[in-house]
Amino acid sequence: MFKSQIKLKLILAILLVWTILFPIVAHEFTKLPPEMPISLSPPGSVDTIVHIRLQEPYLLKLCFYDEENPFGTRERILGYKNQGVIIPIQWELYSTTTQQLILNGQFESEKGGGWSKEYCYREVGNMYYKPGEFLEPGYYRFVARIPRDVPELANVRARIQIGAFHDGFANWAVWGWIISPLIWIIEFILTIILIRRIIVERKIR
């Protein structure tokens, strides 16, 4: 019985370590670069260092925040089913070690890609070489600019977001979150078994 208790304690300890460390590791490794504010009128630019944490397909998005305007105005200006205001954007991604150009793109967006209560967005580029060939994890210099004035959106706050197809979660993290409830149940069951065995052992003594 003593040996079986040791095994139970060891298994329970391993599961508890998983429960504590997994959320921390998953959050750290799947965290997306922070959004970068950019002016549409007058035309603005961004020049910053971004951290790509995972070898995943990343998307470049323009996010728009306009709490004062109702949804109908957003749809008319930013476009959803119909063409909205055209917003041009140019961007480049450079290696921070060699300064070499890694990726670049130029896009003129016309329609919104998605909506929420807080903001809407447009997809304006793919930050990978081609399907199946993704950026190596590391630090990159990201440069973006709005090449011409967009006066129709002068009062709209715009931010550039580097998002992921998995919303910031790699496959391993998704599966980790899926099996976490099962691990919690196993921990609970093992704890009950261990407590019962300890009680029985004390009664025997």
N, C-alpha and C. Protein backbone atom coordinates (compact mmCIF):
# COMPACT_ATOMS: atom_id res chain seq x y z
N MET A 1 0.83 -1.21 0.00
CA MET A 1 0.00 0.00 0.00
C MET A 1 0.86 1.27 0.00
N PHE A 2 1.99 1.18 0.72
CA PHE A 2 2.88 2.34 0.81
C PHE A 2 3.42 2.73 -0.56
N LYS A 3 3.84 1.70 -1.34
CA LYS A 3 4.36 1.96 -2.69
C LYS A 3 3.29 2.54 -3.61
N SER A 4 2.08 2.02 -3.49
CA SER A 4 0.99 2.53 -4.33
C SER A 4 0.67 3.98 -4.00
N GLN A 5 0.80 4.34 -2.70
CA GLN A 5 0.59 5.74 -2.30
C GLN A 5 1.65 6.65 -2.92
N ILE A 6 2.87 6.16 -2.95
CA ILE A 6 3.95 6.95 -3.56
C ILE A 6 3.66 7.18 -5.04
N LYS A 7 3.20 6.14 -5.72
CA LYS A 7 2.87 6.27 -7.14
C LYS A 7 1.74 7.27 -7.36
N LEU A 8 0.71 7.17 -6.51
CA LEU A 8 -0.41 8.10 -6.61
C LEU A 8 0.04 9.54 -6.39
N LYS A 9 0.87 9.74 -5.37
CA LYS A 9 1.38 11.08 -5.08
C LYS A 9 2.22 11.62 -6.23
N LEU A 10 3.02 10.76 -6.85
CA LEU A 10 3.87 11.16 -7.96
C LEU A 10 3.01 11.57 -9.17
N ILE A 11 2.01 10.73 -9.48
CA ILE A 11 1.12 11.04 -10.61
C ILE A 11 0.37 12.34 -10.34
N LEU A 12 -0.13 12.48 -9.12
CA LEU A 12 -0.89 13.68 -8.76
C LEU A 12 0.00 14.92 -8.83
N ALA A 13 1.25 14.78 -8.38
CA ALA A 13 2.18 15.92 -8.43
C ALA A 13 2.45 16.34 -9.88
N ILE A 14 2.64 15.35 -10.77
CA ILE A 14 2.88 15.66 -12.18
C ILE A 14 1.68 16.39 -12.79
N LEU A 15 0.49 15.89 -12.47
CA LEU A 15 -0.73 16.52 -13.00
C LEU A 15 -0.91 17.94 -12.46
N LEU A 16 -0.57 18.14 -11.18
CA LEU A 16 -0.69 19.47 -10.59
C LEU A 16 0.30 20.45 -11.22
N VAL A 17 1.51 19.95 -11.51
CA VAL A 17 2.50 20.79 -12.20
C VAL A 17 1.97 21.20 -13.57
N TRP A 18 1.36 20.25 -14.29
CA TRP A 18 0.75 20.55 -15.59
C TRP A 18 -0.32 21.63 -15.44
N THR A 19 -1.21 21.46 -14.43
CA THR A 19 -2.31 22.39 -14.22
C THR A 19 -1.81 23.80 -13.96
N ILE A 20 -0.71 23.91 -13.22
CA ILE A 20 -0.17 25.23 -12.87
C ILE A 20 0.61 25.84 -14.04
N LEU A 21 1.47 25.03 -14.67
CA LEU A 21 2.40 25.57 -15.67
C LEU A 21 1.79 25.72 -17.06
N PHE A 22 0.86 24.84 -17.43
CA PHE A 22 0.34 24.88 -18.80
C PHE A 22 -0.27 26.23 -19.17
N PRO A 23 -1.18 26.81 -18.34
CA PRO A 23 -1.75 28.12 -18.73
C PRO A 23 -0.69 29.20 -18.90
N ILE A 24 0.35 29.16 -18.04
CA ILE A 24 1.42 30.17 -18.12
C ILE A 24 2.20 30.01 -19.42
N VAL A 25 2.59 28.77 -19.71
CA VAL A 25 3.38 28.50 -20.92
C VAL A 25 2.55 28.78 -22.17
N ALA A 26 1.29 28.33 -22.18
CA ALA A 26 0.42 28.53 -23.35
C ALA A 26 0.23 30.02 -23.62
N HIS A 27 0.01 30.80 -22.57
CA HIS A 27 -0.19 32.24 -22.75
C HIS A 27 1.07 32.91 -23.26
N GLU A 28 2.22 32.51 -22.71
CA GLU A 28 3.48 33.16 -23.10
C GLU A 28 3.85 32.85 -24.55
N PHE A 29 3.68 31.61 -24.96
CA PHE A 29 4.12 31.19 -26.28
C PHE A 29 3.12 31.53 -27.39
N THR A 30 1.88 31.77 -27.03
CA THR A 30 0.88 32.06 -28.06
C THR A 30 0.44 33.51 -28.04
N LYS A 31 1.09 34.32 -27.22
CA LYS A 31 0.73 35.73 -27.13
C LYS A 31 1.06 36.45 -28.43
N LEU A 32 0.11 37.26 -28.90
CA LEU A 32 0.30 38.00 -30.15
C LEU A 32 1.01 39.32 -29.89
N PRO A 33 1.70 39.87 -30.90
CA PRO A 33 2.28 41.20 -30.75
C PRO A 33 1.19 42.22 -30.44
N PRO A 34 1.50 43.26 -29.66
CA PRO A 34 0.48 44.27 -29.35
C PRO A 34 0.03 45.03 -30.59
N GLU A 35 -1.21 45.51 -30.55
CA GLU A 35 -1.71 46.31 -31.66
C GLU A 35 -0.94 47.62 -31.75
N MET A 36 -0.79 48.12 -32.99
CA MET A 36 0.01 49.32 -33.24
C MET A 36 -0.88 50.42 -33.82
N PRO A 37 -1.04 51.54 -33.11
CA PRO A 37 -1.88 52.62 -33.64
C PRO A 37 -1.28 53.25 -34.89
N ILE A 38 -2.14 53.59 -35.85
CA ILE A 38 -1.69 54.24 -37.08
C ILE A 38 -2.77 55.23 -37.53
N SER A 39 -2.35 56.40 -37.96
CA SER A 39 -3.29 57.43 -38.38
C SER A 39 -3.68 57.23 -39.85
N LEU A 40 -4.98 57.41 -40.14
CA LEU A 40 -5.46 57.33 -41.52
C LEU A 40 -5.54 58.72 -42.16
N SER A 41 -5.75 59.74 -41.34
CA SER A 41 -5.80 61.11 -41.83
C SER A 41 -5.39 62.04 -40.70
N PRO A 42 -4.19 62.65 -40.81
CA PRO A 42 -3.22 62.54 -41.90
C PRO A 42 -2.61 61.14 -41.94
N PRO A 43 -2.09 60.72 -43.10
CA PRO A 43 -1.54 59.37 -43.24
C PRO A 43 -0.36 59.15 -42.30
N GLY A 44 -0.39 58.04 -41.58
CA GLY A 44 0.65 57.76 -40.60
C GLY A 44 1.49 56.56 -40.98
N SER A 45 2.40 56.21 -40.07
CA SER A 45 3.29 55.07 -40.31
C SER A 45 3.64 54.42 -38.99
N VAL A 46 4.17 53.21 -39.09
CA VAL A 46 4.60 52.42 -37.93
C VAL A 46 5.97 51.85 -38.24
N ASP A 47 6.85 51.91 -37.27
CA ASP A 47 8.18 51.32 -37.40
C ASP A 47 8.56 50.77 -36.04
N THR A 48 8.47 49.46 -35.87
CA THR A 48 8.66 48.88 -34.55
C THR A 48 9.20 47.47 -34.65
N ILE A 49 9.60 46.93 -33.51
CA ILE A 49 10.07 45.54 -33.42
C ILE A 49 8.92 44.68 -32.91
N VAL A 50 8.65 43.57 -33.61
CA VAL A 50 7.60 42.66 -33.19
C VAL A 50 8.20 41.28 -32.89
N HIS A 51 7.57 40.58 -31.98
CA HIS A 51 8.03 39.25 -31.59
C HIS A 51 7.06 38.21 -32.13
N ILE A 52 7.51 37.41 -33.09
CA ILE A 52 6.74 36.29 -33.61
C ILE A 52 7.12 35.07 -32.79
N ARG A 53 6.18 34.55 -32.03
CA ARG A 53 6.50 33.50 -31.05
C ARG A 53 6.36 32.09 -31.60
N LEU A 54 5.50 31.90 -32.60
CA LEU A 54 5.22 30.56 -33.10
C LEU A 54 5.36 30.51 -34.61
N GLN A 55 5.69 29.36 -35.12
CA GLN A 55 5.78 29.15 -36.56
C GLN A 55 4.38 28.82 -37.07
N GLU A 56 3.58 29.88 -37.20
CA GLU A 56 2.17 29.76 -37.54
C GLU A 56 1.83 30.72 -38.68
N PRO A 57 0.70 30.52 -39.37
CA PRO A 57 0.27 31.48 -40.39
C PRO A 57 -0.35 32.72 -39.75
N TYR A 58 0.32 33.85 -39.88
CA TYR A 58 -0.16 35.10 -39.30
C TYR A 58 -0.84 35.96 -40.36
N LEU A 59 -1.86 36.70 -39.91
CA LEU A 59 -2.59 37.64 -40.76
C LEU A 59 -2.32 39.06 -40.30
N LEU A 60 -2.29 39.97 -41.26
CA LEU A 60 -2.16 41.38 -40.95
C LEU A 60 -3.55 42.01 -41.07
N LYS A 61 -3.98 42.69 -40.01
CA LYS A 61 -5.32 43.27 -39.99
C LYS A 61 -5.26 44.75 -39.66
N LEU A 62 -6.21 45.50 -40.22
CA LEU A 62 -6.45 46.88 -39.82
C LEU A 62 -7.71 46.86 -38.97
N CYS A 63 -7.59 47.25 -37.71
CA CYS A 63 -8.74 47.27 -36.80
C CYS A 63 -9.19 48.71 -36.59
N PHE A 64 -10.51 48.90 -36.55
CA PHE A 64 -11.08 50.24 -36.46
C PHE A 64 -11.96 50.34 -35.22
N TYR A 65 -11.70 51.38 -34.43
CA TYR A 65 -12.46 51.64 -33.22
C TYR A 65 -13.15 53.00 -33.37
N ASP A 66 -14.46 52.99 -33.31
CA ASP A 66 -15.22 54.24 -33.47
C ASP A 66 -16.48 54.16 -32.63
N GLU A 67 -16.33 54.38 -31.31
CA GLU A 67 -17.44 54.19 -30.39
C GLU A 67 -18.57 55.19 -30.60
N GLU A 68 -18.27 56.36 -31.17
CA GLU A 68 -19.28 57.40 -31.29
C GLU A 68 -20.25 57.15 -32.44
N ASN A 69 -19.79 56.49 -33.49
CA ASN A 69 -20.65 56.28 -34.66
C ASN A 69 -21.47 55.01 -34.52
N PRO A 70 -22.74 55.02 -34.93
CA PRO A 70 -23.57 53.82 -34.87
C PRO A 70 -23.13 52.80 -35.91
N PHE A 71 -23.66 51.59 -35.78
CA PHE A 71 -23.25 50.49 -36.66
C PHE A 71 -23.50 50.82 -38.13
N GLY A 72 -24.63 51.46 -38.45
CA GLY A 72 -24.96 51.77 -39.84
C GLY A 72 -23.91 52.66 -40.49
N THR A 73 -23.39 53.62 -39.72
CA THR A 73 -22.35 54.51 -40.25
C THR A 73 -21.06 53.73 -40.48
N ARG A 74 -20.73 52.84 -39.57
CA ARG A 74 -19.54 52.02 -39.75
C ARG A 74 -19.64 51.19 -41.03
N GLU A 75 -20.83 50.60 -41.22
CA GLU A 75 -21.00 49.74 -42.39
C GLU A 75 -20.89 50.56 -43.67
N ARG A 76 -21.45 51.76 -43.65
CA ARG A 76 -21.41 52.60 -44.86
C ARG A 76 -19.99 53.06 -45.16
N ILE A 77 -19.24 53.45 -44.12
CA ILE A 77 -17.90 54.01 -44.34
C ILE A 77 -16.86 52.91 -44.53
N LEU A 78 -16.89 51.91 -43.66
CA LEU A 78 -15.86 50.89 -43.68
C LEU A 78 -16.18 49.74 -44.62
N GLY A 79 -17.45 49.59 -44.96
CA GLY A 79 -17.83 48.55 -45.91
C GLY A 79 -17.98 47.20 -45.26
N TYR A 80 -19.02 46.48 -45.65
CA TYR A 80 -19.19 45.11 -45.20
C TYR A 80 -19.64 44.26 -46.39
N LYS A 81 -20.90 44.39 -46.77
CA LYS A 81 -21.37 43.68 -47.96
C LYS A 81 -21.03 44.47 -49.23
N ASN A 82 -21.05 45.78 -49.10
CA ASN A 82 -20.74 46.64 -50.24
C ASN A 82 -19.36 47.26 -50.06
N GLN A 83 -18.87 47.89 -51.12
CA GLN A 83 -17.56 48.53 -51.06
C GLN A 83 -17.61 49.73 -50.13
N GLY A 84 -16.62 49.82 -49.26
CA GLY A 84 -16.52 50.96 -48.37
C GLY A 84 -15.42 51.89 -48.84
N VAL A 85 -14.95 52.73 -47.94
CA VAL A 85 -13.86 53.65 -48.25
C VAL A 85 -12.59 52.83 -48.51
N ILE A 86 -11.91 53.12 -49.59
CA ILE A 86 -10.67 52.41 -49.92
C ILE A 86 -9.54 52.91 -49.02
N ILE A 87 -8.85 51.97 -48.38
CA ILE A 87 -7.74 52.31 -47.50
C ILE A 87 -6.48 51.62 -48.02
N PRO A 88 -5.50 52.38 -48.47
CA PRO A 88 -4.24 51.77 -48.94
C PRO A 88 -3.29 51.53 -47.78
N ILE A 89 -2.51 50.48 -47.87
CA ILE A 89 -1.48 50.22 -46.85
C ILE A 89 -0.31 49.51 -47.50
N GLN A 90 0.89 49.88 -47.08
CA GLN A 90 2.12 49.23 -47.52
C GLN A 90 2.86 48.76 -46.27
N TRP A 91 3.45 47.58 -46.33
CA TRP A 91 4.15 47.07 -45.15
C TRP A 91 5.36 46.23 -45.55
N GLU A 92 6.34 46.18 -44.64
CA GLU A 92 7.54 45.37 -44.84
C GLU A 92 7.93 44.72 -43.52
N LEU A 93 8.59 43.58 -43.64
CA LEU A 93 9.10 42.87 -42.47
C LEU A 93 10.58 42.59 -42.72
N TYR A 94 11.43 43.04 -41.78
CA TYR A 94 12.88 42.90 -41.94
C TYR A 94 13.46 42.03 -40.83
N SER A 95 14.55 41.35 -41.14
CA SER A 95 15.31 40.64 -40.13
C SER A 95 16.02 41.66 -39.24
N THR A 96 15.97 41.45 -37.93
CA THR A 96 16.65 42.38 -37.02
C THR A 96 18.16 42.13 -36.96
N THR A 97 18.60 40.99 -37.44
CA THR A 97 20.03 40.67 -37.40
C THR A 97 20.74 41.06 -38.69
N THR A 98 20.13 40.77 -39.84
CA THR A 98 20.78 41.05 -41.14
C THR A 98 20.21 42.29 -41.82
N GLN A 99 19.07 42.82 -41.29
CA GLN A 99 18.36 43.96 -41.90
C GLN A 99 17.80 43.62 -43.28
N GLN A 100 17.80 42.36 -43.63
CA GLN A 100 17.30 41.93 -44.93
C GLN A 100 15.77 41.95 -44.95
N LEU A 101 15.21 42.34 -46.09
CA LEU A 101 13.77 42.32 -46.27
C LEU A 101 13.29 40.87 -46.33
N ILE A 102 12.35 40.52 -45.45
CA ILE A 102 11.84 39.15 -45.38
C ILE A 102 10.54 39.01 -46.16
N LEU A 103 9.61 39.90 -45.88
CA LEU A 103 8.30 39.90 -46.52
C LEU A 103 7.85 41.33 -46.74
N ASN A 104 7.01 41.54 -47.71
CA ASN A 104 6.42 42.86 -47.89
C ASN A 104 5.09 42.71 -48.63
N GLY A 105 4.29 43.75 -48.57
CA GLY A 105 3.00 43.71 -49.24
C GLY A 105 2.45 45.10 -49.45
N GLN A 106 1.55 45.20 -50.40
CA GLN A 106 0.84 46.44 -50.68
C GLN A 106 -0.61 46.07 -50.98
N PHE A 107 -1.52 46.75 -50.30
CA PHE A 107 -2.91 46.33 -50.40
C PHE A 107 -3.83 47.54 -50.33
N GLU A 108 -4.91 47.50 -51.09
CA GLU A 108 -5.95 48.53 -51.01
C GLU A 108 -7.24 47.83 -50.59
N SER A 109 -7.60 48.00 -49.33
CA SER A 109 -8.76 47.30 -48.79
C SER A 109 -10.04 48.07 -49.07
N GLU A 110 -11.12 47.33 -49.30
CA GLU A 110 -12.40 47.94 -49.64
C GLU A 110 -13.53 47.51 -48.71
N LYS A 111 -13.41 46.33 -48.10
CA LYS A 111 -14.50 45.81 -47.29
C LYS A 111 -14.01 45.37 -45.92
N GLY A 112 -14.94 45.40 -44.97
CA GLY A 112 -14.63 44.90 -43.64
C GLY A 112 -14.54 43.38 -43.65
N GLY A 113 -13.65 42.84 -42.84
CA GLY A 113 -13.51 41.39 -42.76
C GLY A 113 -14.30 40.78 -41.63
N GLY A 114 -14.61 41.58 -40.61
CA GLY A 114 -15.37 41.07 -39.47
C GLY A 114 -15.75 42.19 -38.53
N TRP A 115 -16.71 41.91 -37.63
CA TRP A 115 -17.25 42.92 -36.74
C TRP A 115 -17.36 42.37 -35.33
N SER A 116 -17.29 43.27 -34.37
CA SER A 116 -17.59 42.93 -32.98
C SER A 116 -18.20 44.18 -32.35
N LYS A 117 -18.55 44.10 -31.07
CA LYS A 117 -19.12 45.27 -30.39
C LYS A 117 -18.09 46.38 -30.24
N GLU A 118 -16.81 46.00 -30.19
CA GLU A 118 -15.76 46.97 -29.92
C GLU A 118 -15.14 47.54 -31.19
N TYR A 119 -15.00 46.72 -32.21
CA TYR A 119 -14.30 47.18 -33.40
C TYR A 119 -14.69 46.32 -34.60
N CYS A 120 -14.27 46.80 -35.79
CA CYS A 120 -14.36 45.99 -36.99
C CYS A 120 -12.95 45.95 -37.60
N TYR A 121 -12.73 45.05 -38.54
CA TYR A 121 -11.38 44.94 -39.08
C TYR A 121 -11.41 44.58 -40.55
N ARG A 122 -10.28 44.82 -41.20
CA ARG A 122 -10.04 44.38 -42.57
C ARG A 122 -8.74 43.60 -42.61
N GLU A 123 -8.76 42.51 -43.34
CA GLU A 123 -7.53 41.75 -43.56
C GLU A 123 -6.76 42.40 -44.70
N VAL A 124 -5.50 42.74 -44.43
CA VAL A 124 -4.73 43.51 -45.42
C VAL A 124 -3.42 42.82 -45.82
N GLY A 125 -3.23 41.57 -45.41
CA GLY A 125 -2.00 40.89 -45.83
C GLY A 125 -1.80 39.57 -45.11
N ASN A 126 -1.03 38.68 -45.71
CA ASN A 126 -0.64 37.41 -45.12
C ASN A 126 0.84 37.46 -44.76
N MET A 127 1.14 37.23 -43.49
CA MET A 127 2.53 37.29 -43.06
C MET A 127 3.15 35.89 -43.04
N TYR A 128 3.19 35.27 -44.21
CA TYR A 128 3.91 34.01 -44.38
C TYR A 128 4.31 33.90 -45.85
N TYR A 129 5.27 33.05 -46.14
CA TYR A 129 5.80 32.94 -47.50
C TYR A 129 4.77 32.37 -48.45
N LYS A 130 4.23 31.23 -48.09
CA LYS A 130 3.16 30.56 -48.82
C LYS A 130 2.60 29.50 -47.90
N PRO A 131 1.43 28.93 -48.22
CA PRO A 131 0.84 27.93 -47.33
C PRO A 131 1.83 26.82 -46.97
N GLY A 132 2.03 26.64 -45.69
CA GLY A 132 2.95 25.61 -45.22
C GLY A 132 4.36 26.11 -44.95
N GLU A 133 4.69 27.33 -45.39
CA GLU A 133 6.01 27.91 -45.15
C GLU A 133 5.84 29.21 -44.36
N PHE A 134 6.12 29.12 -43.05
CA PHE A 134 5.84 30.21 -42.15
C PHE A 134 7.12 30.85 -41.62
N LEU A 135 6.97 32.01 -41.02
CA LEU A 135 8.10 32.72 -40.43
C LEU A 135 8.69 31.93 -39.26
N GLU A 136 10.01 31.99 -39.14
CA GLU A 136 10.67 31.40 -37.98
C GLU A 136 10.37 32.26 -36.76
N PRO A 137 10.15 31.66 -35.59
CA PRO A 137 9.96 32.46 -34.38
C PRO A 137 11.17 33.36 -34.13
N GLY A 138 10.90 34.56 -33.67
CA GLY A 138 11.98 35.51 -33.40
C GLY A 138 11.50 36.94 -33.47
N TYR A 139 12.45 37.85 -33.44
CA TYR A 139 12.15 39.28 -33.48
C TYR A 139 12.36 39.81 -34.90
N TYR A 140 11.43 40.66 -35.34
CA TYR A 140 11.48 41.25 -36.67
C TYR A 140 11.17 42.74 -36.58
N ARG A 141 11.73 43.47 -37.52
CA ARG A 141 11.38 44.88 -37.65
C ARG A 141 10.19 45.00 -38.59
N PHE A 142 9.11 45.59 -38.08
CA PHE A 142 7.89 45.73 -38.87
C PHE A 142 7.68 47.20 -39.23
N VAL A 143 7.49 47.46 -40.51
CA VAL A 143 7.28 48.84 -41.01
C VAL A 143 5.98 48.85 -41.81
N ALA A 144 5.12 49.81 -41.52
CA ALA A 144 3.87 49.96 -42.27
C ALA A 144 3.56 51.43 -42.45
N ARG A 145 2.88 51.74 -43.54
CA ARG A 145 2.52 53.15 -43.79
C ARG A 145 1.22 53.22 -44.56
N ILE A 146 0.50 54.30 -44.35
CA ILE A 146 -0.67 54.64 -45.15
C ILE A 146 -0.18 55.65 -46.19
N PRO A 147 -0.09 55.27 -47.46
CA PRO A 147 0.58 56.12 -48.46
C PRO A 147 -0.19 57.38 -48.88
N ARG A 148 -1.50 57.40 -48.62
CA ARG A 148 -2.25 58.62 -48.97
C ARG A 148 -3.35 58.88 -47.95
N ASP A 149 -3.79 60.11 -47.92
CA ASP A 149 -4.77 60.56 -46.93
C ASP A 149 -6.12 59.87 -47.14
N VAL A 150 -6.76 59.51 -46.00
CA VAL A 150 -8.12 58.94 -46.03
C VAL A 150 -8.99 59.83 -45.15
N PRO A 151 -9.40 61.00 -45.66
CA PRO A 151 -10.11 61.99 -44.84
C PRO A 151 -11.46 61.50 -44.32
N GLU A 152 -12.10 60.56 -45.02
CA GLU A 152 -13.39 60.04 -44.57
C GLU A 152 -13.31 59.35 -43.21
N LEU A 153 -12.11 58.88 -42.85
CA LEU A 153 -11.93 58.15 -41.60
C LEU A 153 -11.02 58.89 -40.64
N ALA A 154 -11.04 60.22 -40.74
CA ALA A 154 -10.15 61.04 -39.90
C ALA A 154 -10.45 60.86 -38.42
N ASN A 155 -11.71 60.60 -38.07
CA ASN A 155 -12.09 60.48 -36.67
C ASN A 155 -12.13 59.03 -36.16
N VAL A 156 -11.72 58.12 -37.00
CA VAL A 156 -11.73 56.71 -36.62
C VAL A 156 -10.35 56.29 -36.15
N ARG A 157 -10.28 55.68 -34.96
CA ARG A 157 -9.01 55.17 -34.45
C ARG A 157 -8.68 53.86 -35.15
N ALA A 158 -7.52 53.80 -35.74
CA ALA A 158 -7.10 52.59 -36.46
C ALA A 158 -5.87 51.99 -35.78
N ARG A 159 -5.82 50.67 -35.76
CA ARG A 159 -4.68 49.96 -35.21
C ARG A 159 -4.34 48.78 -36.11
N ILE A 160 -3.05 48.52 -36.25
CA ILE A 160 -2.60 47.36 -37.01
C ILE A 160 -2.44 46.20 -36.05
N GLN A 161 -2.99 45.07 -36.43
CA GLN A 161 -2.92 43.88 -35.59
C GLN A 161 -2.28 42.73 -36.38
N ILE A 162 -1.32 42.09 -35.76
CA ILE A 162 -0.75 40.86 -36.33
C ILE A 162 -1.44 39.71 -35.62
N GLY A 163 -2.40 39.11 -36.31
CA GLY A 163 -3.19 38.03 -35.73
C GLY A 163 -2.80 36.69 -36.32
N ALA A 164 -3.43 35.64 -35.82
CA ALA A 164 -3.14 34.29 -36.29
C ALA A 164 -4.42 33.60 -36.69
N PHE A 165 -4.30 32.63 -37.61
CA PHE A 165 -5.46 31.86 -38.02
C PHE A 165 -6.08 31.12 -36.85
N HIS A 166 -5.25 30.81 -35.84
CA HIS A 166 -5.74 30.07 -34.67
C HIS A 166 -6.06 31.03 -33.54
N ASP A 167 -6.24 32.34 -33.84
CA ASP A 167 -6.52 33.35 -32.82
C ASP A 167 -5.47 33.33 -31.72
N GLY A 168 -4.21 33.12 -32.08
CA GLY A 168 -3.14 33.17 -31.11
C GLY A 168 -2.84 31.86 -30.43
N PHE A 169 -3.56 30.73 -30.81
CA PHE A 169 -3.33 29.45 -30.17
C PHE A 169 -2.86 28.44 -31.20
N ALA A 170 -1.70 27.88 -30.97
CA ALA A 170 -1.21 26.80 -31.82
C ALA A 170 -1.99 25.53 -31.52
N ASN A 171 -1.87 24.55 -32.40
CA ASN A 171 -2.62 23.31 -32.23
C ASN A 171 -2.36 22.65 -30.88
N TRP A 172 -1.09 22.67 -30.43
CA TRP A 172 -0.77 22.00 -29.17
C TRP A 172 -1.47 22.70 -28.01
N ALA A 173 -1.59 24.03 -28.09
CA ALA A 173 -2.26 24.76 -27.02
C ALA A 173 -3.75 24.49 -27.01
N VAL A 174 -4.33 24.40 -28.21
CA VAL A 174 -5.76 24.09 -28.31
C VAL A 174 -6.05 22.73 -27.67
N TRP A 175 -5.26 21.72 -28.02
CA TRP A 175 -5.45 20.40 -27.45
C TRP A 175 -5.19 20.40 -25.95
N GLY A 176 -4.24 21.21 -25.53
CA GLY A 176 -3.97 21.32 -24.10
C GLY A 176 -5.17 21.82 -23.33
N TRP A 177 -5.83 22.87 -23.87
CA TRP A 177 -7.02 23.39 -23.20
C TRP A 177 -8.17 22.39 -23.25
N ILE A 178 -8.24 21.60 -24.32
CA ILE A 178 -9.32 20.61 -24.45
C ILE A 178 -9.19 19.52 -23.39
N ILE A 179 -7.96 19.05 -23.17
CA ILE A 179 -7.77 17.94 -22.22
C ILE A 179 -7.66 18.42 -20.78
N SER A 180 -7.54 19.72 -20.55
CA SER A 180 -7.38 20.24 -19.18
C SER A 180 -8.54 19.83 -18.26
N PRO A 181 -9.81 19.94 -18.70
CA PRO A 181 -10.90 19.50 -17.80
C PRO A 181 -10.79 18.03 -17.42
N LEU A 182 -10.34 17.19 -18.37
CA LEU A 182 -10.16 15.77 -18.07
C LEU A 182 -9.08 15.58 -17.00
N ILE A 183 -8.01 16.37 -17.10
CA ILE A 183 -6.93 16.28 -16.11
C ILE A 183 -7.43 16.73 -14.74
N TRP A 184 -8.28 17.77 -14.71
CA TRP A 184 -8.85 18.21 -13.42
C TRP A 184 -9.68 17.10 -12.78
N ILE A 185 -10.47 16.39 -13.59
CA ILE A 185 -11.29 15.29 -13.07
C ILE A 185 -10.40 14.18 -12.51
N ILE A 186 -9.34 13.85 -13.27
CA ILE A 186 -8.41 12.81 -12.82
C ILE A 186 -7.75 13.23 -11.51
N GLU A 187 -7.35 14.49 -11.41
CA GLU A 187 -6.74 14.99 -10.17
C GLU A 187 -7.70 14.84 -9.00
N PHE A 188 -8.95 15.17 -9.22
CA PHE A 188 -9.96 15.07 -8.15
C PHE A 188 -10.12 13.62 -7.71
N ILE A 189 -10.24 12.71 -8.68
CA ILE A 189 -10.41 11.29 -8.36
C ILE A 189 -9.20 10.74 -7.61
N LEU A 190 -8.00 11.07 -8.10
CA LEU A 190 -6.77 10.59 -7.43
C LEU A 190 -6.65 11.14 -6.02
N THR A 191 -7.06 12.38 -5.83
CA THR A 191 -7.01 12.99 -4.49
C THR A 191 -7.93 12.25 -3.54
N ILE A 192 -9.15 11.93 -4.00
CA ILE A 192 -10.10 11.18 -3.16
C ILE A 192 -9.54 9.81 -2.81
N ILE A 193 -8.98 9.11 -3.83
CA ILE A 193 -8.40 7.78 -3.58
C ILE A 193 -7.26 7.85 -2.58
N LEU A 194 -6.40 8.85 -2.76
CA LEU A 194 -5.25 9.00 -1.87
C LEU A 194 -5.70 9.28 -0.45
N ILE A 195 -6.69 10.14 -0.28
CA ILE A 195 -7.19 10.46 1.06
C ILE A 195 -7.79 9.23 1.72
N ARG A 196 -8.56 8.47 0.96
CA ARG A 196 -9.17 7.25 1.51
C ARG A 196 -8.11 6.25 1.95
N ARG A 197 -7.05 6.10 1.13
CA ARG A 197 -5.99 5.15 1.48
C ARG A 197 -5.24 5.59 2.73
N ILE A 198 -5.03 6.89 2.85
CA ILE A 198 -4.35 7.41 4.05
C ILE A 198 -5.20 7.15 5.28
N ILE A 199 -6.54 7.37 5.16
CA ILE A 199 -7.44 7.14 6.29
C ILE A 199 -7.45 5.67 6.68
N VAL A 200 -7.53 4.79 5.66
CA VAL A 200 -7.53 3.35 5.93
C VAL A 200 -6.22 2.93 6.60
N GLU A 201 -5.11 3.45 6.15
CA GLU A 201 -3.81 3.09 6.71
C GLU A 201 -3.71 3.53 8.17
N ARG A 202 -4.23 4.70 8.50
CA ARG A 202 -4.19 5.18 9.87
C ARG A 202 -5.07 4.33 10.78
N LYS A 203 -6.21 3.88 10.24
CA LYS A 203 -7.09 3.03 11.05
C LYS A 203 -6.42 1.71 11.35
N ILE A 204 -5.69 1.17 10.36
CA ILE A 204 -4.99 -0.10 10.55
C ILE A 204 -3.93 0.03 11.64
N ARG A 205 -3.24 1.17 11.63
CA ARG A 205 -2.21 1.39 12.65
C ARG A 205 -2.83 1.53 14.05
